[in-house]
All heavy atoms as atom14 arrays in JSON, in Angstrom:
{
  "sequence": "PAQERARIIALTRVTPPDRAGLSHWSARELAKYPKRIESISVFWH",
  "atom14_mask": [
    [1, 1, 1, 1, 1, 1, 1, 0, 0, 0, 0, 0, 0, 0],
    [1, 1, 1, 1, 1, 0, 0, 0, 0, 0, 0, 0, 0, 0],
    [1, 1, 1, 1, 1, 1, 1, 1, 1, 0, 0, 0, 0, 0],
    [1, 1, 1, 1, 1, 1, 1, 1, 1, 0, 0, 0, 0, 0],
    [1, 1, 1, 1, 1, 1, 1, 1, 1, 1, 1, 0, 0, 0],
    [1, 1, 1, 1, 1, 0, 0, 0, 0, 0, 0, 0, 0, 0],
    [1, 1, 1, 1, 1, 1, 1, 1, 1, 1, 1, 0, 0, 0],
    [1, 1, 1, 1, 1, 1, 1, 1, 0, 0, 0, 0, 0, 0],
    [1, 1, 1, 1, 1, 1, 1, 1, 0, 0, 0, 0, 0, 0],
    [1, 1, 1, 1, 1, 0, 0, 0, 0, 0, 0, 0, 0, 0],
    [1, 1, 1, 1, 1, 1, 1, 1, 0, 0, 0, 0, 0, 0],
    [1, 1, 1, 1, 1, 1, 1, 0, 0, 0, 0, 0, 0, 0],
    [1, 1, 1, 1, 1, 1, 1, 1, 1, 1, 1, 0, 0, 0],
    [1, 1, 1, 1, 1, 1, 1, 0, 0, 0, 0, 0, 0, 0],
    [1, 1, 1, 1, 1, 1, 1, 0, 0, 0, 0, 0, 0, 0],
    [1, 1, 1, 1, 1, 1, 1, 0, 0, 0, 0, 0, 0, 0],
    [1, 1, 1, 1, 1, 1, 1, 0, 0, 0, 0, 0, 0, 0],
    [1, 1, 1, 1, 1, 1, 1, 1, 0, 0, 0, 0, 0, 0],
    [1, 1, 1, 1, 1, 1, 1, 1, 1, 1, 1, 0, 0, 0],
    [1, 1, 1, 1, 1, 0, 0, 0, 0, 0, 0, 0, 0, 0],
    [1, 1, 1, 1, 0, 0, 0, 0, 0, 0, 0, 0, 0, 0],
    [1, 1, 1, 1, 1, 1, 1, 1, 0, 0, 0, 0, 0, 0],
    [1, 1, 1, 1, 1, 1, 0, 0, 0, 0, 0, 0, 0, 0],
    [1, 1, 1, 1, 1, 1, 1, 1, 1, 1, 0, 0, 0, 0],
    [1, 1, 1, 1, 1, 1, 1, 1, 1, 1, 1, 1, 1, 1],
    [1, 1, 1, 1, 1, 1, 0, 0, 0, 0, 0, 0, 0, 0],
    [1, 1, 1, 1, 1, 0, 0, 0, 0, 0, 0, 0, 0, 0],
    [1, 1, 1, 1, 1, 1, 1, 1, 1, 1, 1, 0, 0, 0],
    [1, 1, 1, 1, 1, 1, 1, 1, 1, 0, 0, 0, 0, 0],
    [1, 1, 1, 1, 1, 1, 1, 1, 0, 0, 0, 0, 0, 0],
    [1, 1, 1, 1, 1, 0, 0, 0, 0, 0, 0, 0, 0, 0],
    [1, 1, 1, 1, 1, 1, 1, 1, 1, 0, 0, 0, 0, 0],
    [1, 1, 1, 1, 1, 1, 1, 1, 1, 1, 1, 1, 0, 0],
    [1, 1, 1, 1, 1, 1, 1, 0, 0, 0, 0, 0, 0, 0],
    [1, 1, 1, 1, 1, 1, 1, 1, 1, 0, 0, 0, 0, 0],
    [1, 1, 1, 1, 1, 1, 1, 1, 1, 1, 1, 0, 0, 0],
    [1, 1, 1, 1, 1, 1, 1, 1, 0, 0, 0, 0, 0, 0],
    [1, 1, 1, 1, 1, 1, 1, 1, 1, 0, 0, 0, 0, 0],
    [1, 1, 1, 1, 1, 1, 0, 0, 0, 0, 0, 0, 0, 0],
    [1, 1, 1, 1, 1, 1, 1, 1, 0, 0, 0, 0, 0, 0],
    [1, 1, 1, 1, 1, 1, 0, 0, 0, 0, 0, 0, 0, 0],
    [1, 1, 1, 1, 1, 1, 1, 0, 0, 0, 0, 0, 0, 0],
    [1, 1, 1, 1, 1, 1, 1, 1, 1, 1, 1, 0, 0, 0],
    [1, 1, 1, 1, 1, 1, 1, 1, 1, 1, 1, 1, 1, 1],
    [1, 1, 1, 1, 1, 1, 1, 1, 1, 1, 0, 0, 0, 0]
  ],
  "atom14_positions": [
    [[0.83, -1.2, 0.0], [0.0, 0.0, 0.0], [0.87, 1.26, 0.0], [2.01, 1.25, 0.47], [-0.8, -0.11, 1.29], [-0.81, -1.57, 1.61], [0.49, -2.1, 1.09], [0.0, 0.0, 0.0], [0.0, 0.0, 0.0], [0.0, 0.0, 0.0], [0.0, 0.0, 0.0], [0.0, 0.0, 0.0], [0.0, 0.0, 0.0], [0.0, 0.0, 0.0]],
    [[0.33, 2.34, -0.52], [1.08, 3.58, -0.69], [1.69, 4.08, 0.62], [2.83, 4.55, 0.65], [0.18, 4.65, -1.3], [0.0, 0.0, 0.0], [0.0, 0.0, 0.0], [0.0, 0.0, 0.0], [0.0, 0.0, 0.0], [0.0, 0.0, 0.0], [0.0, 0.0, 0.0], [0.0, 0.0, 0.0], [0.0, 0.0, 0.0], [0.0, 0.0, 0.0]],
    [[0.96, 3.99, 1.72], [1.47, 4.46, 3.0], [2.68, 3.63, 3.45], [3.65, 4.18, 3.97], [0.36, 4.4, 4.05], [0.76, 5.01, 5.37], [-0.4, 5.03, 6.35], [-1.41, 4.35, 6.16], [-0.27, 5.8, 7.4], [0.0, 0.0, 0.0], [0.0, 0.0, 0.0], [0.0, 0.0, 0.0], [0.0, 0.0, 0.0], [0.0, 0.0, 0.0]],
    [[2.63, 2.32, 3.25], [3.76, 1.47, 3.61], [4.95, 1.77, 2.71], [6.09, 1.82, 3.18], [3.37, 0.0, 3.53], [2.41, -0.4, 4.62], [1.97, -1.84, 4.53], [2.54, -2.61, 3.71], [1.07, -2.21, 5.28], [0.0, 0.0, 0.0], [0.0, 0.0, 0.0], [0.0, 0.0, 0.0], [0.0, 0.0, 0.0], [0.0, 0.0, 0.0]],
    [[4.71, 1.95, 1.41], [5.8, 2.31, 0.48], [6.46, 3.6, 0.91], [7.68, 3.71, 0.93], [5.27, 2.46, -0.94], [5.3, 1.2, -1.74], [5.12, 1.47, -3.23], [4.05, 2.39, -3.57], [2.79, 2.06, -3.75], [2.42, 0.81, -3.63], [1.89, 2.97, -4.06], [0.0, 0.0, 0.0], [0.0, 0.0, 0.0], [0.0, 0.0, 0.0]],
    [[5.66, 4.58, 1.29], [6.19, 5.87, 1.72], [7.04, 5.7, 2.99], [8.1, 6.33, 3.11], [5.06, 6.86, 1.97], [0.0, 0.0, 0.0], [0.0, 0.0, 0.0], [0.0, 0.0, 0.0], [0.0, 0.0, 0.0], [0.0, 0.0, 0.0], [0.0, 0.0, 0.0], [0.0, 0.0, 0.0], [0.0, 0.0, 0.0], [0.0, 0.0, 0.0]],
    [[6.61, 4.87, 3.91], [7.37, 4.65, 5.15], [8.69, 3.96, 4.84], [9.73, 4.32, 5.41], [6.54, 3.81, 6.13], [7.25, 3.54, 7.43], [7.5, 4.84, 8.18], [8.21, 4.53, 9.42], [9.28, 5.18, 9.82], [9.76, 6.18, 9.14], [9.88, 4.83, 10.94], [0.0, 0.0, 0.0], [0.0, 0.0, 0.0], [0.0, 0.0, 0.0]],
    [[8.69, 2.98, 3.95], [9.92, 2.29, 3.57], [10.89, 3.27, 2.93], [12.08, 3.3, 3.27], [9.62, 1.11, 2.61], [8.75, 0.05, 3.29], [10.91, 0.5, 2.08], [9.3, -0.59, 4.53], [0.0, 0.0, 0.0], [0.0, 0.0, 0.0], [0.0, 0.0, 0.0], [0.0, 0.0, 0.0], [0.0, 0.0, 0.0], [0.0, 0.0, 0.0]],
    [[10.4, 4.09, 2.03], [11.26, 5.08, 1.37], [11.83, 6.05, 2.39], [13.01, 6.39, 2.34], [10.49, 5.8, 0.25], [10.22, 4.81, -0.89], [11.27, 7.01, -0.26], [9.24, 5.3, -1.92], [0.0, 0.0, 0.0], [0.0, 0.0, 0.0], [0.0, 0.0, 0.0], [0.0, 0.0, 0.0], [0.0, 0.0, 0.0], [0.0, 0.0, 0.0]],
    [[11.02, 6.47, 3.34], [11.5, 7.38, 4.4], [12.62, 6.72, 5.21], [13.61, 7.38, 5.55], [10.35, 7.8, 5.29], [0.0, 0.0, 0.0], [0.0, 0.0, 0.0], [0.0, 0.0, 0.0], [0.0, 0.0, 0.0], [0.0, 0.0, 0.0], [0.0, 0.0, 0.0], [0.0, 0.0, 0.0], [0.0, 0.0, 0.0], [0.0, 0.0, 0.0]],
    [[12.48, 5.45, 5.51], [13.51, 4.75, 6.27], [14.83, 4.67, 5.5], [15.9, 4.71, 6.1], [13.06, 3.34, 6.64], [12.1, 3.22, 7.81], [11.58, 1.79, 7.94], [12.78, 3.65, 9.1], [0.0, 0.0, 0.0], [0.0, 0.0, 0.0], [0.0, 0.0, 0.0], [0.0, 0.0, 0.0], [0.0, 0.0, 0.0], [0.0, 0.0, 0.0]],
    [[14.77, 4.57, 4.18], [16.01, 4.47, 3.4], [16.8, 5.77, 3.43], [17.99, 5.77, 3.13], [15.74, 4.11, 1.92], [15.02, 5.17, 1.29], [14.99, 2.8, 1.79], [0.0, 0.0, 0.0], [0.0, 0.0, 0.0], [0.0, 0.0, 0.0], [0.0, 0.0, 0.0], [0.0, 0.0, 0.0], [0.0, 0.0, 0.0], [0.0, 0.0, 0.0]],
    [[16.17, 6.85, 3.81], [16.83, 8.15, 3.82], [17.49, 8.5, 5.15], [18.08, 9.56, 5.28], [15.83, 9.23, 3.44], [15.36, 9.05, 2.02], [14.37, 10.07, 1.62], [14.0, 9.86, 0.22], [13.01, 10.47, -0.36], [12.29, 11.35, 0.3], [12.74, 10.21, -1.62], [0.0, 0.0, 0.0], [0.0, 0.0, 0.0], [0.0, 0.0, 0.0]],
    [[17.36, 7.62, 6.13], [17.98, 7.85, 7.44], [18.91, 6.69, 7.77], [18.73, 5.57, 7.3], [16.94, 8.04, 8.56], [16.08, 9.25, 8.31], [16.08, 6.81, 8.72], [0.0, 0.0, 0.0], [0.0, 0.0, 0.0], [0.0, 0.0, 0.0], [0.0, 0.0, 0.0], [0.0, 0.0, 0.0], [0.0, 0.0, 0.0], [0.0, 0.0, 0.0]],
    [[19.89, 6.96, 8.61], [20.79, 5.92, 9.08], [20.02, 5.02, 10.05], [19.22, 5.53, 10.84], [21.98, 6.56, 9.81], [22.61, 7.47, 8.91], [22.98, 5.53, 10.27], [0.0, 0.0, 0.0], [0.0, 0.0, 0.0], [0.0, 0.0, 0.0], [0.0, 0.0, 0.0], [0.0, 0.0, 0.0], [0.0, 0.0, 0.0], [0.0, 0.0, 0.0]],
    [[20.25, 3.72, 10.01], [19.56, 2.84, 10.96], [19.86, 3.26, 12.41], [20.96, 3.74, 12.7], [20.16, 1.47, 10.67], [20.7, 1.56, 9.3], [21.12, 2.98, 9.11], [0.0, 0.0, 0.0], [0.0, 0.0, 0.0], [0.0, 0.0, 0.0], [0.0, 0.0, 0.0], [0.0, 0.0, 0.0], [0.0, 0.0, 0.0], [0.0, 0.0, 0.0]],
    [[18.91, 3.09, 13.31], [19.16, 3.45, 14.71], [20.29, 2.6, 15.29], [20.53, 1.48, 14.85], [17.84, 3.16, 15.41], [17.03, 2.37, 14.48], [17.59, 2.53, 13.11], [0.0, 0.0, 0.0], [0.0, 0.0, 0.0], [0.0, 0.0, 0.0], [0.0, 0.0, 0.0], [0.0, 0.0, 0.0], [0.0, 0.0, 0.0], [0.0, 0.0, 0.0]],
    [[20.98, 3.15, 16.27], [22.09, 2.44, 16.9], [21.67, 1.06, 17.41], [22.43, 0.11, 17.32], [22.67, 3.25, 18.06], [23.43, 4.48, 17.58], [23.87, 4.49, 16.4], [23.56, 5.42, 18.37], [0.0, 0.0, 0.0], [0.0, 0.0, 0.0], [0.0, 0.0, 0.0], [0.0, 0.0, 0.0], [0.0, 0.0, 0.0], [0.0, 0.0, 0.0]],
    [[20.46, 0.97, 17.94], [20.02, -0.32, 18.51], [19.87, -1.4, 17.44], [19.83, -2.58, 17.76], [18.73, -0.14, 19.29], [17.53, 0.21, 18.45], [16.27, 0.31, 19.32], [15.13, 0.6, 18.51], [14.58, 1.79, 18.38], [15.07, 2.82, 19.04], [13.54, 1.98, 17.6], [0.0, 0.0, 0.0], [0.0, 0.0, 0.0], [0.0, 0.0, 0.0]],
    [[19.81, -1.01, 16.16], [19.73, -1.99, 15.08], [21.09, -2.63, 14.82], [21.18, -3.71, 14.26], [19.19, -1.35, 13.81], [0.0, 0.0, 0.0], [0.0, 0.0, 0.0], [0.0, 0.0, 0.0], [0.0, 0.0, 0.0], [0.0, 0.0, 0.0], [0.0, 0.0, 0.0], [0.0, 0.0, 0.0], [0.0, 0.0, 0.0], [0.0, 0.0, 0.0]],
    [[22.18, -1.93, 15.22], [23.52, -2.48, 15.03], [23.97, -2.5, 13.58], [24.78, -3.35, 13.2], [0.0, 0.0, 0.0], [0.0, 0.0, 0.0], [0.0, 0.0, 0.0], [0.0, 0.0, 0.0], [0.0, 0.0, 0.0], [0.0, 0.0, 0.0], [0.0, 0.0, 0.0], [0.0, 0.0, 0.0], [0.0, 0.0, 0.0], [0.0, 0.0, 0.0]],
    [[23.45, -1.6, 12.76], [23.77, -1.57, 11.33], [24.41, -0.25, 10.94], [24.11, 0.78, 11.52], [22.48, -1.73, 10.5], [21.63, -2.97, 10.77], [20.29, -2.83, 10.07], [22.36, -4.21, 10.3], [0.0, 0.0, 0.0], [0.0, 0.0, 0.0], [0.0, 0.0, 0.0], [0.0, 0.0, 0.0], [0.0, 0.0, 0.0], [0.0, 0.0, 0.0]],
    [[25.27, -0.28, 9.93], [25.84, 0.96, 9.41], [25.01, 1.48, 8.24], [25.07, 2.65, 7.9], [27.29, 0.74, 8.96], [27.33, -0.23, 7.93], [0.0, 0.0, 0.0], [0.0, 0.0, 0.0], [0.0, 0.0, 0.0], [0.0, 0.0, 0.0], [0.0, 0.0, 0.0], [0.0, 0.0, 0.0], [0.0, 0.0, 0.0], [0.0, 0.0, 0.0]],
    [[24.26, 0.58, 7.6], [23.39, 0.95, 6.48], [22.29, -0.11, 6.36], [22.39, -1.18, 6.94], [24.18, 1.07, 5.17], [24.81, -0.23, 4.76], [26.01, -0.68, 5.31], [24.42, -1.18, 3.88], [26.3, -1.86, 4.77], [25.36, -2.18, 3.91], [0.0, 0.0, 0.0], [0.0, 0.0, 0.0], [0.0, 0.0, 0.0], [0.0, 0.0, 0.0]],
    [[21.25, 0.22, 5.62], [20.14, -0.71, 5.43], [20.44, -1.67, 4.29], [20.95, -1.28, 3.26], [18.85, 0.03, 5.07], [18.28, 0.87, 6.15], [18.18, 2.22, 6.15], [17.69, 0.43, 7.37], [17.57, 2.66, 7.3], [17.25, 1.58, 8.07], [17.48, -0.81, 7.95], [16.64, 1.5, 9.31], [16.88, -0.88, 9.18], [16.45, 0.26, 9.84]],
    [[20.09, -2.92, 4.46], [20.01, -3.88, 3.36], [18.51, -4.14, 3.15], [17.69, -3.81, 4.02], [20.72, -5.18, 3.71], [20.01, -5.89, 4.72], [0.0, 0.0, 0.0], [0.0, 0.0, 0.0], [0.0, 0.0, 0.0], [0.0, 0.0, 0.0], [0.0, 0.0, 0.0], [0.0, 0.0, 0.0], [0.0, 0.0, 0.0], [0.0, 0.0, 0.0]],
    [[18.15, -4.7, 2.04], [16.73, -4.98, 1.78], [16.18, -5.91, 2.87], [15.07, -5.72, 3.35], [16.54, -5.58, 0.4], [0.0, 0.0, 0.0], [0.0, 0.0, 0.0], [0.0, 0.0, 0.0], [0.0, 0.0, 0.0], [0.0, 0.0, 0.0], [0.0, 0.0, 0.0], [0.0, 0.0, 0.0], [0.0, 0.0, 0.0], [0.0, 0.0, 0.0]],
    [[16.94, -6.9, 3.25], [16.47, -7.85, 4.25], [16.32, -7.21, 5.63], [15.35, -7.45, 6.33], [17.4, -9.05, 4.33], [17.31, -9.9, 3.08], [18.33, -11.01, 3.09], [18.49, -11.58, 1.78], [18.06, -12.78, 1.43], [17.45, -13.53, 2.3], [18.23, -13.21, 0.21], [0.0, 0.0, 0.0], [0.0, 0.0, 0.0], [0.0, 0.0, 0.0]],
    [[17.28, -6.4, 6.02], [17.19, -5.72, 7.31], [16.08, -4.68, 7.31], [15.39, -4.49, 8.3], [18.52, -5.07, 7.69], [19.6, -6.07, 8.05], [19.22, -6.96, 9.23], [18.56, -6.48, 10.17], [19.62, -8.13, 9.21], [0.0, 0.0, 0.0], [0.0, 0.0, 0.0], [0.0, 0.0, 0.0], [0.0, 0.0, 0.0], [0.0, 0.0, 0.0]],
    [[15.9, -4.02, 6.18], [14.84, -3.03, 6.08], [13.47, -3.7, 6.14], [12.52, -3.1, 6.62], [14.99, -2.23, 4.78], [14.22, -0.95, 4.66], [14.49, -0.02, 5.84], [14.57, -0.24, 3.38], [0.0, 0.0, 0.0], [0.0, 0.0, 0.0], [0.0, 0.0, 0.0], [0.0, 0.0, 0.0], [0.0, 0.0, 0.0], [0.0, 0.0, 0.0]],
    [[13.37, -4.94, 5.71], [12.11, -5.68, 5.82], [11.83, -6.09, 7.27], [10.69, -6.08, 7.71], [12.15, -6.92, 4.93], [0.0, 0.0, 0.0], [0.0, 0.0, 0.0], [0.0, 0.0, 0.0], [0.0, 0.0, 0.0], [0.0, 0.0, 0.0], [0.0, 0.0, 0.0], [0.0, 0.0, 0.0], [0.0, 0.0, 0.0], [0.0, 0.0, 0.0]],
    [[12.88, -6.42, 8.01], [12.71, -6.85, 9.41], [12.36, -5.69, 10.34], [11.55, -5.85, 11.25], [13.99, -7.5, 9.92], [14.33, -8.81, 9.28], [15.66, -9.28, 9.83], [16.21, -10.45, 9.07], [17.55, -10.83, 9.55], [0.0, 0.0, 0.0], [0.0, 0.0, 0.0], [0.0, 0.0, 0.0], [0.0, 0.0, 0.0], [0.0, 0.0, 0.0]],
    [[12.98, -4.55, 10.14], [12.85, -3.44, 11.08], [11.42, -2.93, 11.24], [10.92, -2.87, 12.36], [13.81, -2.32, 10.69], [13.82, -1.19, 11.68], [14.46, -1.33, 12.9], [13.19, 0.01, 11.4], [14.47, -0.31, 13.82], [13.2, 1.05, 12.32], [13.83, 0.88, 13.53], [13.83, 1.89, 14.44], [0.0, 0.0, 0.0], [0.0, 0.0, 0.0]],
    [[10.71, -2.57, 10.17], [9.34, -2.06, 10.37], [8.4, -3.12, 10.95], [7.45, -2.79, 11.65], [8.87, -1.64, 8.99], [10.04, -1.71, 8.11], [11.1, -2.49, 8.79], [0.0, 0.0, 0.0], [0.0, 0.0, 0.0], [0.0, 0.0, 0.0], [0.0, 0.0, 0.0], [0.0, 0.0, 0.0], [0.0, 0.0, 0.0], [0.0, 0.0, 0.0]],
    [[8.69, -4.38, 10.68], [7.84, -5.44, 11.24], [7.97, -5.47, 12.76], [6.98, -5.59, 13.47], [8.22, -6.79, 10.65], [7.31, -7.9, 11.07], [7.63, -9.18, 10.34], [6.64, -10.25, 10.71], [6.88, -11.48, 10.0], [0.0, 0.0, 0.0], [0.0, 0.0, 0.0], [0.0, 0.0, 0.0], [0.0, 0.0, 0.0], [0.0, 0.0, 0.0]],
    [[9.19, -5.31, 13.26], [9.42, -5.31, 14.71], [8.88, -4.05, 15.36], [8.3, -4.09, 16.43], [10.91, -5.4, 15.01], [11.51, -6.75, 14.82], [12.91, -6.79, 15.42], [13.74, -5.7, 14.95], [14.78, -5.84, 14.13], [15.11, -7.01, 13.68], [15.48, -4.79, 13.76], [0.0, 0.0, 0.0], [0.0, 0.0, 0.0], [0.0, 0.0, 0.0]],
    [[9.08, -2.91, 14.73], [8.78, -1.62, 15.35], [7.35, -1.15, 15.1], [6.69, -0.62, 15.98], [9.77, -0.54, 14.84], [11.21, -0.97, 15.11], [9.49, 0.81, 15.45], [11.53, -1.28, 16.55], [0.0, 0.0, 0.0], [0.0, 0.0, 0.0], [0.0, 0.0, 0.0], [0.0, 0.0, 0.0], [0.0, 0.0, 0.0], [0.0, 0.0, 0.0]],
    [[6.85, -1.34, 13.86], [5.56, -0.74, 13.48], [4.53, -1.73, 12.97], [3.5, -1.34, 12.45], [5.81, 0.32, 12.4], [6.77, 1.39, 12.84], [7.15, 2.33, 11.73], [6.44, 2.37, 10.71], [8.16, 3.02, 11.88], [0.0, 0.0, 0.0], [0.0, 0.0, 0.0], [0.0, 0.0, 0.0], [0.0, 0.0, 0.0], [0.0, 0.0, 0.0]],
    [[4.8, -3.01, 13.06], [3.9, -4.06, 12.58], [3.61, -3.95, 11.09], [2.53, -4.31, 10.63], [2.6, -4.07, 13.38], [2.85, -4.34, 14.72], [0.0, 0.0, 0.0], [0.0, 0.0, 0.0], [0.0, 0.0, 0.0], [0.0, 0.0, 0.0], [0.0, 0.0, 0.0], [0.0, 0.0, 0.0], [0.0, 0.0, 0.0], [0.0, 0.0, 0.0]],
    [[4.56, -3.41, 10.33], [4.45, -3.38, 8.88], [5.2, -4.6, 8.36], [6.39, -4.74, 8.58], [5.06, -2.1, 8.27], [4.3, -0.87, 8.75], [5.1, -2.17, 6.75], [4.92, 0.44, 8.33], [0.0, 0.0, 0.0], [0.0, 0.0, 0.0], [0.0, 0.0, 0.0], [0.0, 0.0, 0.0], [0.0, 0.0, 0.0], [0.0, 0.0, 0.0]],
    [[4.5, -5.48, 7.69], [5.11, -6.7, 7.19], [5.27, -6.61, 5.67], [4.29, -6.55, 4.94], [4.24, -7.9, 7.56], [4.85, -9.09, 7.15], [0.0, 0.0, 0.0], [0.0, 0.0, 0.0], [0.0, 0.0, 0.0], [0.0, 0.0, 0.0], [0.0, 0.0, 0.0], [0.0, 0.0, 0.0], [0.0, 0.0, 0.0], [0.0, 0.0, 0.0]],
    [[6.53, -6.56, 5.24], [6.84, -6.47, 3.81], [7.97, -7.45, 3.54], [8.94, -7.51, 4.29], [7.3, -5.04, 3.44], [7.6, -4.94, 1.96], [6.25, -4.02, 3.83], [0.0, 0.0, 0.0], [0.0, 0.0, 0.0], [0.0, 0.0, 0.0], [0.0, 0.0, 0.0], [0.0, 0.0, 0.0], [0.0, 0.0, 0.0], [0.0, 0.0, 0.0]],
    [[7.88, -8.2, 2.46], [8.95, -9.11, 2.08], [10.15, -8.33, 1.56], [9.99, -7.27, 0.97], [8.49, -10.09, 1.0], [7.49, -11.09, 1.5], [6.17, -11.03, 1.11], [7.87, -12.09, 2.38], [5.25, -11.95, 1.55], [6.95, -13.0, 2.86], [5.63, -12.93, 2.44], [0.0, 0.0, 0.0], [0.0, 0.0, 0.0], [0.0, 0.0, 0.0]],
    [[11.34, -8.86, 1.76], [12.56, -8.14, 1.35], [12.6, -7.9, -0.14], [13.09, -6.88, -0.59], [13.82, -8.85, 1.85], [14.12, -10.13, 1.16], [13.75, -11.38, 1.57], [14.86, -10.3, -0.04], [14.2, -12.32, 0.68], [14.89, -11.69, -0.32], [15.5, -9.44, -0.91], [15.54, -12.21, -1.42], [16.13, -9.96, -2.02], [16.15, -11.33, -2.27]],
    [[12.05, -8.82, -0.94], [12.1, -8.6, -2.39], [11.14, -7.48, -2.8], [11.38, -6.8, -3.79], [11.87, -9.87, -3.2], [10.72, -10.71, -2.76], [9.46, -10.24, -2.55], [10.65, -12.02, -2.47], [8.66, -11.2, -2.17], [9.35, -12.3, -2.1], [0.0, 0.0, 0.0], [0.0, 0.0, 0.0], [0.0, 0.0, 0.0], [0.0, 0.0, 0.0]]
  ]
}
């Protein structure tokens, strides 16, 4: 959905939080993060 797409795009523009332990986002990590934090479930592909 458009709102989820917008949230994913917004996340790509910021550095991952320190608690994520990442220096940058990968598609797989970006798929895991919103699911844990915001209950947005999106496949990495």
